[in-house]
Structures are given as structure tokens and as C-alpha cells.
């Protein structure tokens, strides 16, 4: 995430990185598709719980990109190597 990336940019970039539709991304976050569309348009911002989920998705992606995997994933990688 860029230092000053807006919530609209964050929501849209996470959704597109995952190759998801607005409806699919909304379902993943547990919100209505119109809610995600409003975030991406900059008309509204996520409620605190939705924002936490959105930021957790980004954090997980960044950690995986940098080689930090959850313990279960690391164990699975070690057993298949």
C-alpha cells in the first residue's frame, strides 16, 4: 500500500489483485456489493470491522510476497520439499 493510498484505492487494488468481481469481493468481506462499489467510488468508507478485514487481506498478501507464511503453510512447504 502506498503511504497515502486511499481506502478506495486499497479496496480496488486488493480486489483486482485477487481477480475478483465486486460481488465476489463483497461476499469475501461479508458486505453488500453496493457497499464495495461505494468504497471504490470514494462515496463512503468501510466501517471499522470491514476496514480491519480489508487491511488484514493486504497484510497477508504482503507477508506472503515477502516470504512470511503462516506456520501451517511453512510446515506444508517443508514436508513437500
PDB file of N, CA and C in Angstrom:
ATOM      1  N   UNK A   1       0.843  -1.172   0.000  1.00  0.00           N
ATOM      2  CA  UNK A   1       0.000   0.000   0.000  1.00  0.00           C
ATOM      3  C   UNK A   1       0.885   1.231   0.000  1.00  0.00           C
ATOM      4  N   UNK A   2       0.605   2.155  -0.892  1.00  0.00           N
ATOM      5  CA  UNK A   2       1.318   3.408  -0.879  1.00  0.00           C
ATOM      6  C   UNK A   2       1.010   4.131   0.424  1.00  0.00           C
ATOM      7  N   UNK A   3       1.923   4.965   0.851  1.00  0.00           N
ATOM      8  CA  UNK A   3       1.762   5.648   2.125  1.00  0.00           C
ATOM      9  C   UNK A   3       0.427   6.376   2.234  1.00  0.00           C
ATOM     10  N   UNK A   4      -0.008   7.056   1.189  1.00  0.00           N
ATOM     11  CA  UNK A   4      -1.238   7.829   1.226  1.00  0.00           C
ATOM     12  C   UNK A   4      -2.358   7.207   0.409  1.00  0.00           C
ATOM     13  N   UNK A   5      -2.293   5.915   0.221  1.00  0.00           N
ATOM     14  CA  UNK A   5      -3.321   5.237  -0.574  1.00  0.00           C
ATOM     15  C   UNK A   5      -4.668   5.365   0.125  1.00  0.00           C
ATOM     16  N   UNK A   6      -5.662   5.785  -0.615  1.00  0.00           N
ATOM     17  CA  UNK A   6      -6.991   5.938  -0.041  1.00  0.00           C
ATOM     18  C   UNK A   6      -7.663   4.584   0.128  1.00  0.00           C
ATOM     19  N   UNK A   7      -8.718   4.577   0.909  1.00  0.00           N
ATOM     20  CA  UNK A   7      -9.486   3.345   1.083  1.00  0.00           C
ATOM     21  C   UNK A   7     -10.044   2.883  -0.255  1.00  0.00           C
ATOM     22  N   UNK A   8     -10.454   3.824  -1.092  1.00  0.00           N
ATOM     23  CA  UNK A   8     -10.989   3.467  -2.411  1.00  0.00           C
ATOM     24  C   UNK A   8      -9.929   2.738  -3.228  1.00  0.00           C
ATOM     25  N   UNK A   9      -8.712   3.270  -3.236  1.00  0.00           N
ATOM     26  CA  UNK A   9      -7.620   2.632  -3.981  1.00  0.00           C
ATOM     27  C   UNK A   9      -7.255   1.286  -3.381  1.00  0.00           C
ATOM     28  N   UNK A  10      -7.238   1.210  -2.055  1.00  0.00           N
ATOM     29  CA  UNK A  10      -6.910  -0.044  -1.374  1.00  0.00           C
ATOM     30  C   UNK A  10      -7.922  -1.127  -1.726  1.00  0.00           C
ATOM     31  N   UNK A  11      -9.215  -0.807  -1.615  1.00  0.00           N
ATOM     32  CA  UNK A  11     -10.260  -1.793  -1.901  1.00  0.00           C
ATOM     33  C   UNK A  11     -10.170  -2.263  -3.346  1.00  0.00           C
ATOM     34  N   UNK A  12     -10.038  -1.322  -4.254  1.00  0.00           N
ATOM     35  CA  UNK A  12      -9.996  -1.697  -5.664  1.00  0.00           C
ATOM     36  C   UNK A  12      -8.734  -2.483  -6.008  1.00  0.00           C
ATOM     37  N   UNK A  13      -7.588  -2.079  -5.476  1.00  0.00           N
ATOM     38  CA  UNK A  13      -6.352  -2.796  -5.807  1.00  0.00           C
ATOM     39  C   UNK A  13      -6.356  -4.213  -5.221  1.00  0.00           C
ATOM     40  N   UNK A  14      -6.855  -4.379  -3.996  1.00  0.00           N
ATOM     41  CA  UNK A  14      -6.935  -5.727  -3.412  1.00  0.00           C
ATOM     42  C   UNK A  14      -7.876  -6.610  -4.216  1.00  0.00           C
ATOM     43  N   UNK A  15      -9.013  -6.063  -4.606  1.00  0.00           N
ATOM     44  CA  UNK A  15      -9.986  -6.841  -5.377  1.00  0.00           C
ATOM     45  C   UNK A  15      -9.391  -7.261  -6.719  1.00  0.00           C
ATOM     46  N   UNK A  16      -8.751  -6.326  -7.392  1.00  0.00           N
ATOM     47  CA  UNK A  16      -8.183  -6.637  -8.713  1.00  0.00           C
ATOM     48  C   UNK A  16      -7.000  -7.596  -8.610  1.00  0.00           C
ATOM     49  N   UNK A  17      -6.182  -7.467  -7.590  1.00  0.00           N
ATOM     50  CA  UNK A  17      -5.057  -8.399  -7.404  1.00  0.00           C
ATOM     51  C   UNK A  17      -5.550  -9.823  -7.221  1.00  0.00           C
ATOM     52  N   UNK A  18      -6.708  -9.951  -6.619  1.00  0.00           N
ATOM     53  CA  UNK A  18      -7.287 -11.271  -6.393  1.00  0.00           C
ATOM     54  C   UNK A  18      -8.099 -11.751  -7.590  1.00  0.00           C
ATOM     55  N   UNK A  19      -8.266 -10.886  -8.592  1.00  0.00           N
ATOM     56  CA  UNK A  19      -9.025 -11.251  -9.789  1.00  0.00           C
ATOM     57  C   UNK A  19     -10.493 -11.476  -9.507  1.00  0.00           C
ATOM     58  N   UNK A  20     -11.041 -10.691  -8.588  1.00  0.00           N
ATOM     59  CA  UNK A  20     -12.427 -10.891  -8.165  1.00  0.00           C
ATOM     60  C   UNK A  20     -13.346  -9.808  -8.701  1.00  0.00           C
ATOM     61  N   UNK A  21     -14.617 -10.186  -8.830  1.00  0.00           N
ATOM     62  CA  UNK A  21     -15.652  -9.209  -9.155  1.00  0.00           C
ATOM     63  C   UNK A  21     -15.985  -8.434  -7.877  1.00  0.00           C
ATOM     64  N   UNK A  22     -16.707  -7.345  -8.041  1.00  0.00           N
ATOM     65  CA  UNK A  22     -17.145  -6.582  -6.867  1.00  0.00           C
ATOM     66  C   UNK A  22     -18.028  -7.467  -5.990  1.00  0.00           C
ATOM     67  N   UNK A  23     -18.911  -8.238  -6.607  1.00  0.00           N
ATOM     68  CA  UNK A  23     -19.809  -9.112  -5.843  1.00  0.00           C
ATOM     69  C   UNK A  23     -19.043 -10.168  -5.064  1.00  0.00           C
ATOM     70  N   UNK A  24     -18.062 -10.793  -5.712  1.00  0.00           N
ATOM     71  CA  UNK A  24     -17.268 -11.817  -5.032  1.00  0.00           C
ATOM     72  C   UNK A  24     -16.442 -11.251  -3.903  1.00  0.00           C
ATOM     73  N   UNK A  25     -15.861 -10.096  -4.126  1.00  0.00           N
ATOM     74  CA  UNK A  25     -15.055  -9.441  -3.096  1.00  0.00           C
ATOM     75  C   UNK A  25     -15.932  -9.027  -1.919  1.00  0.00           C
ATOM     76  N   UNK A  26     -17.124  -8.530  -2.223  1.00  0.00           N
ATOM     77  CA  UNK A  26     -18.066  -8.145  -1.171  1.00  0.00           C
ATOM     78  C   UNK A  26     -18.438  -9.363  -0.321  1.00  0.00           C
ATOM     79  N   UNK A  27     -18.697 -10.486  -0.971  1.00  0.00           N
ATOM     80  CA  UNK A  27     -19.042 -11.711  -0.245  1.00  0.00           C
ATOM     81  C   UNK A  27     -17.894 -12.144   0.664  1.00  0.00           C
ATOM     82  N   UNK A  28     -16.674 -12.035   0.166  1.00  0.00           N
ATOM     83  CA  UNK A  28     -15.499 -12.391   0.957  1.00  0.00           C
ATOM     84  C   UNK A  28     -15.384 -11.520   2.199  1.00  0.00           C
ATOM     85  N   UNK A  29     -15.722 -10.243   2.056  1.00  0.00           N
ATOM     86  CA  UNK A  29     -15.645  -9.314   3.182  1.00  0.00           C
ATOM     87  C   UNK A  29     -16.904  -9.318   4.051  1.00  0.00           C
ATOM     88  N   UNK A  30     -17.957  -9.967   3.574  1.00  0.00           N
ATOM     89  CA  UNK A  30     -19.197 -10.025   4.352  1.00  0.00           C
ATOM     90  C   UNK A  30     -20.021  -8.752   4.278  1.00  0.00           C
ATOM     91  N   UNK A  31     -19.943  -8.065   3.129  1.00  0.00           N
ATOM     92  CA  UNK A  31     -20.726  -6.845   2.932  1.00  0.00           C
ATOM     93  C   UNK A  31     -21.478  -6.939   1.613  1.00  0.00           C
ATOM     94  N   UNK A  32     -22.355  -5.983   1.377  1.00  0.00           N
ATOM     95  CA  UNK A  32     -23.137  -5.917   0.150  1.00  0.00           C
ATOM     96  C   UNK A  32     -22.276  -5.417  -0.997  1.00  0.00           C
ATOM     97  N   UNK A  33     -22.573  -5.856  -2.217  1.00  0.00           N
ATOM     98  CA  UNK A  33     -21.807  -5.426  -3.390  1.00  0.00           C
ATOM     99  C   UNK A  33     -21.863  -3.923  -3.568  1.00  0.00           C
ATOM    100  N   UNK A  34     -23.017  -3.301  -3.250  1.00  0.00           N
ATOM    101  CA  UNK A  34     -23.143  -1.845  -3.371  1.00  0.00           C
ATOM    102  C   UNK A  34     -22.212  -1.123  -2.396  1.00  0.00           C
ATOM    103  N   UNK A  35     -21.938  -1.756  -1.278  1.00  0.00           N
ATOM    104  CA  UNK A  35     -21.028  -1.178  -0.295  1.00  0.00           C
ATOM    105  C   UNK A  35     -19.617  -1.096  -0.865  1.00  0.00           C
ATOM    106  N   UNK A  36     -19.147  -2.179  -1.468  1.00  0.00           N
ATOM    107  CA  UNK A  36     -17.811  -2.186  -2.069  1.00  0.00           C
ATOM    108  C   UNK A  36     -17.753  -1.192  -3.228  1.00  0.00           C
ATOM    109  N   UNK A  37     -18.794  -1.132  -4.030  1.00  0.00           N
ATOM    110  CA  UNK A  37     -18.829  -0.176  -5.135  1.00  0.00           C
ATOM    111  C   UNK A  37     -18.728   1.258  -4.604  1.00  0.00           C
ATOM    112  N   UNK A  38     -19.395   1.532  -3.500  1.00  0.00           N
ATOM    113  CA  UNK A  38     -19.339   2.876  -2.900  1.00  0.00           C
ATOM    114  C   UNK A  38     -17.945   3.179  -2.358  1.00  0.00           C
ATOM    115  N   UNK A  39     -17.280   2.175  -1.775  1.00  0.00           N
ATOM    116  CA  UNK A  39     -15.899   2.384  -1.300  1.00  0.00           C
ATOM    117  C   UNK A  39     -15.004   2.740  -2.469  1.00  0.00           C
ATOM    118  N   UNK A  40     -15.090   1.934  -3.525  1.00  0.00           N
ATOM    119  CA  UNK A  40     -14.213   2.121  -4.679  1.00  0.00           C
ATOM    120  C   UNK A  40     -14.458   3.454  -5.379  1.00  0.00           C
ATOM    121  N   UNK A  41     -15.690   3.934  -5.331  1.00  0.00           N
ATOM    122  CA  UNK A  41     -16.021   5.221  -5.948  1.00  0.00           C
ATOM    123  C   UNK A  41     -15.639   6.390  -5.028  1.00  0.00           C
ATOM    124  N   UNK A  42     -15.315   6.081  -3.777  1.00  0.00           N
ATOM    125  CA  UNK A  42     -14.965   7.124  -2.824  1.00  0.00           C
ATOM    126  C   UNK A  42     -16.169   7.796  -2.185  1.00  0.00           C
ATOM    127  N   UNK A  43     -17.340   7.192  -2.330  1.00  0.00           N
ATOM    128  CA  UNK A  43     -18.565   7.758  -1.769  1.00  0.00           C
ATOM    129  C   UNK A  43     -18.703   7.470  -0.285  1.00  0.00           C
ATOM    130  N   UNK A  44     -18.093   6.389   0.179  1.00  0.00           N
ATOM    131  CA  UNK A  44     -18.157   6.047   1.595  1.00  0.00           C
ATOM    132  C   UNK A  44     -16.898   5.285   1.974  1.00  0.00           C
ATOM    133  N   UNK A  45     -16.724   5.113   3.261  1.00  0.00           N
ATOM    134  CA  UNK A  45     -15.562   4.379   3.777  1.00  0.00           C
ATOM    135  C   UNK A  45     -16.060   3.173   4.563  1.00  0.00           C
ATOM    136  N   UNK A  46     -15.244   2.132   4.660  1.00  0.00           N
ATOM    137  CA  UNK A  46     -15.667   0.934   5.400  1.00  0.00           C
ATOM    138  C   UNK A  46     -15.874   1.222   6.885  1.00  0.00           C
ATOM    139  N   UNK A  47     -16.805   0.495   7.458  1.00  0.00           N
ATOM    140  CA  UNK A  47     -16.973   0.515   8.907  1.00  0.00           C
ATOM    141  C   UNK A  47     -15.721  -0.108   9.521  1.00  0.00           C
ATOM    142  N   UNK A  48     -15.448   0.142  10.805  1.00  0.00           N
ATOM    143  CA  UNK A  48     -14.207  -0.359  11.411  1.00  0.00           C
ATOM    144  C   UNK A  48     -13.945  -1.849  11.214  1.00  0.00           C
ATOM    145  N   UNK A  49     -14.960  -2.692  11.359  1.00  0.00           N
ATOM    146  CA  UNK A  49     -14.745  -4.138  11.212  1.00  0.00           C
ATOM    147  C   UNK A  49     -14.377  -4.506   9.778  1.00  0.00           C
ATOM    148  N   UNK A  50     -15.050  -3.895   8.811  1.00  0.00           N
ATOM    149  CA  UNK A  50     -14.736  -4.161   7.405  1.00  0.00           C
ATOM    150  C   UNK A  50     -13.353  -3.641   7.057  1.00  0.00           C
ATOM    151  N   UNK A  51     -12.992  -2.491   7.613  1.00  0.00           N
ATOM    152  CA  UNK A  51     -11.651  -1.941   7.365  1.00  0.00           C
ATOM    153  C   UNK A  51     -10.579  -2.877   7.913  1.00  0.00           C
ATOM    154  N   UNK A  52     -10.829  -3.455   9.086  1.00  0.00           N
ATOM    155  CA  UNK A  52      -9.870  -4.415   9.662  1.00  0.00           C
ATOM    156  C   UNK A  52      -9.687  -5.611   8.737  1.00  0.00           C
ATOM    157  N   UNK A  53     -10.800  -6.127   8.191  1.00  0.00           N
ATOM    158  CA  UNK A  53     -10.723  -7.279   7.279  1.00  0.00           C
ATOM    159  C   UNK A  53      -9.948  -6.917   6.013  1.00  0.00           C
ATOM    160  N   UNK A  54     -10.216  -5.739   5.487  1.00  0.00           N
ATOM    161  CA  UNK A  54      -9.548  -5.281   4.272  1.00  0.00           C
ATOM    162  C   UNK A  54      -8.043  -5.129   4.507  1.00  0.00           C
ATOM    163  N   UNK A  55      -7.673  -4.528   5.612  1.00  0.00           N
ATOM    164  CA  UNK A  55      -6.257  -4.355   5.932  1.00  0.00           C
ATOM    165  C   UNK A  55      -5.579  -5.696   6.217  1.00  0.00           C
ATOM    166  N   UNK A  56      -6.309  -6.626   6.830  1.00  0.00           N
ATOM    167  CA  UNK A  56      -5.750  -7.957   7.092  1.00  0.00           C
ATOM    168  C   UNK A  56      -5.471  -8.685   5.774  1.00  0.00           C
ATOM    169  N   UNK A  57      -6.331  -8.504   4.788  1.00  0.00           N
ATOM    170  CA  UNK A  57      -6.113  -9.121   3.472  1.00  0.00           C
ATOM    171  C   UNK A  57      -4.833  -8.577   2.850  1.00  0.00           C
ATOM    172  N   UNK A  58      -4.670  -7.265   2.920  1.00  0.00           N
ATOM    173  CA  UNK A  58      -3.466  -6.647   2.352  1.00  0.00           C
ATOM    174  C   UNK A  58      -2.227  -7.109   3.100  1.00  0.00           C
ATOM    175  N   UNK A  59      -2.302  -7.145   4.427  1.00  0.00           N
ATOM    176  CA  UNK A  59      -1.156  -7.571   5.237  1.00  0.00           C
ATOM    177  C   UNK A  59      -0.766  -9.005   4.906  1.00  0.00           C
ATOM    178  N   UNK A  60      -1.748  -9.882   4.762  1.00  0.00           N
ATOM    179  CA  UNK A  60      -1.479 -11.279   4.430  1.00  0.00           C
ATOM    180  C   UNK A  60      -0.782 -11.387   3.076  1.00  0.00           C
ATOM    181  N   UNK A  61      -1.260 -10.621   2.094  1.00  0.00           N
ATOM    182  CA  UNK A  61      -0.655 -10.650   0.766  1.00  0.00           C
ATOM    183  C   UNK A  61       0.782 -10.151   0.812  1.00  0.00           C
ATOM    184  N   UNK A  62       1.037  -9.084   1.537  1.00  0.00           N
ATOM    185  CA  UNK A  62       2.386  -8.530   1.637  1.00  0.00           C
ATOM    186  C   UNK A  62       3.309  -9.508   2.357  1.00  0.00           C
ATOM    187  N   UNK A  63       2.827 -10.126   3.422  1.00  0.00           N
ATOM    188  CA  UNK A  63       3.651 -11.087   4.154  1.00  0.00           C
ATOM    189  C   UNK A  63       4.002 -12.276   3.276  1.00  0.00           C
ATOM    190  N   UNK A  64       3.048 -12.769   2.513  1.00  0.00           N
ATOM    191  CA  UNK A  64       3.325 -13.905   1.628  1.00  0.00           C
ATOM    192  C   UNK A  64       4.300 -13.504   0.536  1.00  0.00           C
ATOM    193  N   UNK A  65       4.157 -12.295   0.026  1.00  0.00           N
ATOM    194  CA  UNK A  65       5.071 -11.804  -1.006  1.00  0.00           C
ATOM    195  C   UNK A  65       6.498 -11.736  -0.472  1.00  0.00           C
ATOM    196  N   UNK A  66       6.643 -11.395   0.810  1.00  0.00           N
ATOM    197  CA  UNK A  66       7.957 -11.260   1.424  1.00  0.00           C
ATOM    198  C   UNK A  66       8.468 -12.557   2.054  1.00  0.00           C
ATOM    199  N   UNK A  67       7.732 -13.656   1.862  1.00  0.00           N
ATOM    200  CA  UNK A  67       8.189 -14.946   2.354  1.00  0.00           C
ATOM    201  C   UNK A  67       7.767 -15.281   3.769  1.00  0.00           C
ATOM    202  N   UNK A  68       6.850 -14.518   4.349  1.00  0.00           N
ATOM    203  CA  UNK A  68       6.353 -14.811   5.693  1.00  0.00           C
ATOM    204  C   UNK A  68       5.029 -15.541   5.551  1.00  0.00           C
ATOM    205  N   UNK A  69       5.050 -16.826   5.859  1.00  0.00           N
ATOM    206  CA  UNK A  69       3.860 -17.639   5.727  1.00  0.00           C
ATOM    207  C   UNK A  69       3.375 -18.074   7.103  1.00  0.00           C
ATOM    208  N   UNK A  70       2.081 -18.296   7.243  1.00  0.00           N
ATOM    209  CA  UNK A  70       1.587 -18.867   8.493  1.00  0.00           C
ATOM    210  C   UNK A  70       2.282 -20.196   8.764  1.00  0.00           C
ATOM    211  N   UNK A  71       2.360 -20.589  10.015  1.00  0.00           N
ATOM    212  CA  UNK A  71       3.076 -21.808  10.416  1.00  0.00           C
ATOM    213  C   UNK A  71       2.597 -23.016   9.621  1.00  0.00           C
ATOM    214  N   UNK A  72       1.303 -23.179   9.453  1.00  0.00           N
ATOM    215  CA  UNK A  72       0.792 -24.334   8.714  1.00  0.00           C
ATOM    216  C   UNK A  72       1.338 -24.369   7.294  1.00  0.00           C
ATOM    217  N   UNK A  73       1.409 -23.225   6.629  1.00  0.00           N
ATOM    218  CA  UNK A  73       1.934 -23.172   5.268  1.00  0.00           C
ATOM    219  C   UNK A  73       3.427 -23.511   5.254  1.00  0.00           C
ATOM    220  N   UNK A  74       4.165 -23.019   6.234  1.00  0.00           N
ATOM    221  CA  UNK A  74       5.593 -23.292   6.309  1.00  0.00           C
ATOM    222  C   UNK A  74       5.823 -24.781   6.519  1.00  0.00           C
ATOM    223  N   UNK A  75       5.039 -25.403   7.426  1.00  0.00           N
ATOM    224  CA  UNK A  75       5.171 -26.837   7.670  1.00  0.00           C
ATOM    225  C   UNK A  75       4.840 -27.628   6.423  1.00  0.00           C
ATOM    226  N   UNK A  76       3.804 -27.234   5.696  1.00  0.00           N
ATOM    227  CA  UNK A  76       3.424 -27.935   4.470  1.00  0.00           C
ATOM    228  C   UNK A  76       4.540 -27.829   3.440  1.00  0.00           C
ATOM    229  N   UNK A  77       5.150 -26.675   3.323  1.00  0.00           N
ATOM    230  CA  UNK A  77       6.247 -26.480   2.371  1.00  0.00           C
ATOM    231  C   UNK A  77       7.452 -27.351   2.732  1.00  0.00           C
ATOM    232  N   UNK A  78       7.727 -27.502   4.022  1.00  0.00           N
ATOM    233  CA  UNK A  78       8.864 -28.302   4.461  1.00  0.00           C
ATOM    234  C   UNK A  78       8.647 -29.790   4.213  1.00  0.00           C
ATOM    235  N   UNK A  79       7.407 -30.237   4.371  1.00  0.00           N
ATOM    236  CA  UNK A  79       7.141 -31.658   4.190  1.00  0.00           C
ATOM    237  C   UNK A  79       7.097 -32.056   2.723  1.00  0.00           C
ATOM    238  N   UNK A  80       6.820 -31.106   1.837  1.00  0.00           N
ATOM    239  CA  UNK A  80       6.763 -31.438   0.413  1.00  0.00           C
ATOM    240  C   UNK A  80       8.104 -31.216  -0.285  1.00  0.00           C
ATOM    241  N   UNK A  81       9.042 -30.591   0.398  1.00  0.00           N
ATOM    242  CA  UNK A  81      10.348 -30.301  -0.219  1.00  0.00           C
ATOM    243  C   UNK A  81      11.244 -31.509  -0.239  1.00  0.00           C
TER     244      UNK A  81
END
